[in-house]
C-alpha atoms as a PDB file:
ATOM      1  CA  MET A   1     -18.917  15.376   1.989  1.00  0.00           C
ATOM      2  CA  SER A   2     -18.123  14.736  -1.688  1.00  0.00           C
ATOM      3  CA  GLU A   3     -20.809  14.524  -4.356  1.00  0.00           C
ATOM      4  CA  THR A   4     -20.158  10.780  -4.709  1.00  0.00           C
ATOM      5  CA  ALA A   5     -20.620  10.239  -0.974  1.00  0.00           C
ATOM      6  CA  LYS A   6     -23.918  12.142  -1.099  1.00  0.00           C
ATOM      7  CA  ASN A   7     -25.133   9.762  -3.819  1.00  0.00           C
ATOM      8  CA  CYS A   8     -23.885   6.669  -2.004  1.00  0.00           C
ATOM      9  CA  LYS A   9     -26.588   4.134  -1.202  1.00  0.00           C
ATOM     10  CA  ASN A  10     -24.639   2.986   1.872  1.00  0.00           C
ATOM     11  CA  SER A  11     -22.892   6.091   3.178  1.00  0.00           C
ATOM     12  CA  ALA A  12     -22.071   4.388   6.500  1.00  0.00           C
ATOM     13  CA  GLU A  13     -19.720   2.061   4.592  1.00  0.00           C
ATOM     14  CA  HIS A  14     -18.542   4.638   2.019  1.00  0.00           C
ATOM     15  CA  GLN A  15     -14.944   4.635   3.299  1.00  0.00           C
ATOM     16  CA  LEU A  16     -14.704   0.950   2.249  1.00  0.00           C
ATOM     17  CA  HIS A  17     -15.913   1.456  -1.324  1.00  0.00           C
ATOM     18  CA  ILE A  18     -13.609   1.093  -4.323  1.00  0.00           C
ATOM     19  CA  CYS A  19     -13.648   4.841  -5.067  1.00  0.00           C
ATOM     20  CA  GLN A  20     -12.316   5.603  -1.571  1.00  0.00           C
ATOM     21  CA  LEU A  21      -9.758   2.794  -1.640  1.00  0.00           C
ATOM     22  CA  LYS A  22      -8.410   4.235  -4.912  1.00  0.00           C
ATOM     23  CA  LYS A  23      -8.130   7.703  -3.334  1.00  0.00           C
ATOM     24  CA  LYS A  24      -6.165   6.177  -0.448  1.00  0.00           C
ATOM     25  CA  GLY A  25      -3.772   4.506  -2.904  1.00  0.00           C
ATOM     26  CA  LEU A  26      -4.678   0.971  -1.812  1.00  0.00           C
ATOM     27  CA  SER A  27      -4.095  -0.565  -5.238  1.00  0.00           C
ATOM     28  CA  GLU A  28      -3.628  -4.155  -3.993  1.00  0.00           C
ATOM     29  CA  GLU A  29      -6.944  -4.013  -2.125  1.00  0.00           C
ATOM     30  CA  VAL A  30      -8.661  -2.550  -5.203  1.00  0.00           C
ATOM     31  CA  ALA A  31      -7.163  -5.272  -7.416  1.00  0.00           C
ATOM     32  CA  ALA A  32      -8.433  -7.993  -5.079  1.00  0.00           C
ATOM     33  CA  ARG A  33     -11.956  -6.535  -5.155  1.00  0.00           C
ATOM     34  CA  THR A  34     -12.105  -6.058  -8.930  1.00  0.00           C
ATOM     35  CA  ASP A  35     -10.500  -9.199 -10.376  1.00  0.00           C
ATOM     36  CA  ASP A  36     -13.830 -10.863 -11.290  1.00  0.00           C
ATOM     37  CA  SER A  37     -16.187  -7.906 -11.637  1.00  0.00           C
ATOM     38  CA  GLY A  38     -19.922  -8.364 -11.914  1.00  0.00           C
ATOM     39  CA  TYR A  39     -21.196  -4.965 -10.690  1.00  0.00           C
ATOM     40  CA  LEU A  40     -20.875  -1.435 -12.021  1.00  0.00           C
ATOM     41  CA  CYS A  41     -21.143   1.824 -10.056  1.00  0.00           C
ATOM     42  CA  HIS A  42     -23.441   4.397 -11.675  1.00  0.00           C
ATOM     43  CA  ASN A  43     -21.626   7.223  -9.857  1.00  0.00           C
ATOM     44  CA  CYS A  44     -18.012   6.623 -10.914  1.00  0.00           C
ATOM     45  CA  ASN A  45     -18.248   3.867 -13.549  1.00  0.00           C
ATOM     46  CA  THR A  46     -16.013   1.562 -11.487  1.00  0.00           C
ATOM     47  CA  SER A  47     -16.595  -2.184 -11.549  1.00  0.00           C
ATOM     48  CA  ALA A  48     -16.281  -4.566  -8.602  1.00  0.00           C
ATOM     49  CA  ASN A  49     -16.734  -8.206  -7.643  1.00  0.00           C
ATOM     50  CA  GLN A  50     -19.434  -7.433  -5.062  1.00  0.00           C
ATOM     51  CA  ALA A  51     -22.164  -4.790  -4.954  1.00  0.00           C
ATOM     52  CA  GLU A  52     -21.257  -3.731  -1.408  1.00  0.00           C
ATOM     53  CA  ASP A  53     -17.910  -2.403  -2.679  1.00  0.00           C
ATOM     54  CA  LEU A  54     -19.663   0.315  -4.737  1.00  0.00           C
ATOM     55  CA  CYS A  55     -21.719   3.437  -3.999  1.00  0.00           C
ATOM     56  CA  ASN A  56     -24.500   2.975  -6.544  1.00  0.00           C
ATOM     57  CA  PRO A  57     -24.173  -0.570  -7.940  1.00  0.00           C
ATOM     58  CA  SER A  58     -26.057  -2.636 -10.449  1.00  0.00           C
ATOM     59  CA  PRO A  59     -25.182  -6.084 -11.815  1.00  0.00           C
ATOM     60  CA  PHE A  60     -24.005  -6.541 -15.374  1.00  0.00           C
ATOM     61  CA  ILE A  61     -23.773  -9.568 -17.606  1.00  0.00           C
ATOM     62  CA  LYS A  62     -20.252 -10.770 -18.314  1.00  0.00           C
ATOM     63  CA  ARG A  63     -19.444 -11.580 -21.905  1.00  0.00           C
END
């Protein structure tokens, strides 16, 4: 298990998170889940539209 997976708050769904989709080369899926980001992952610094797409998310304010 990778260090990111160990720090994942929802390890059962880890294979569906943005970091894993990027590793699998699913760029269209990643683009669809990051086109209106409002959450940031504290593990990998990736942003996403929904918190459930990240390992360790928190909301951020859009400017």
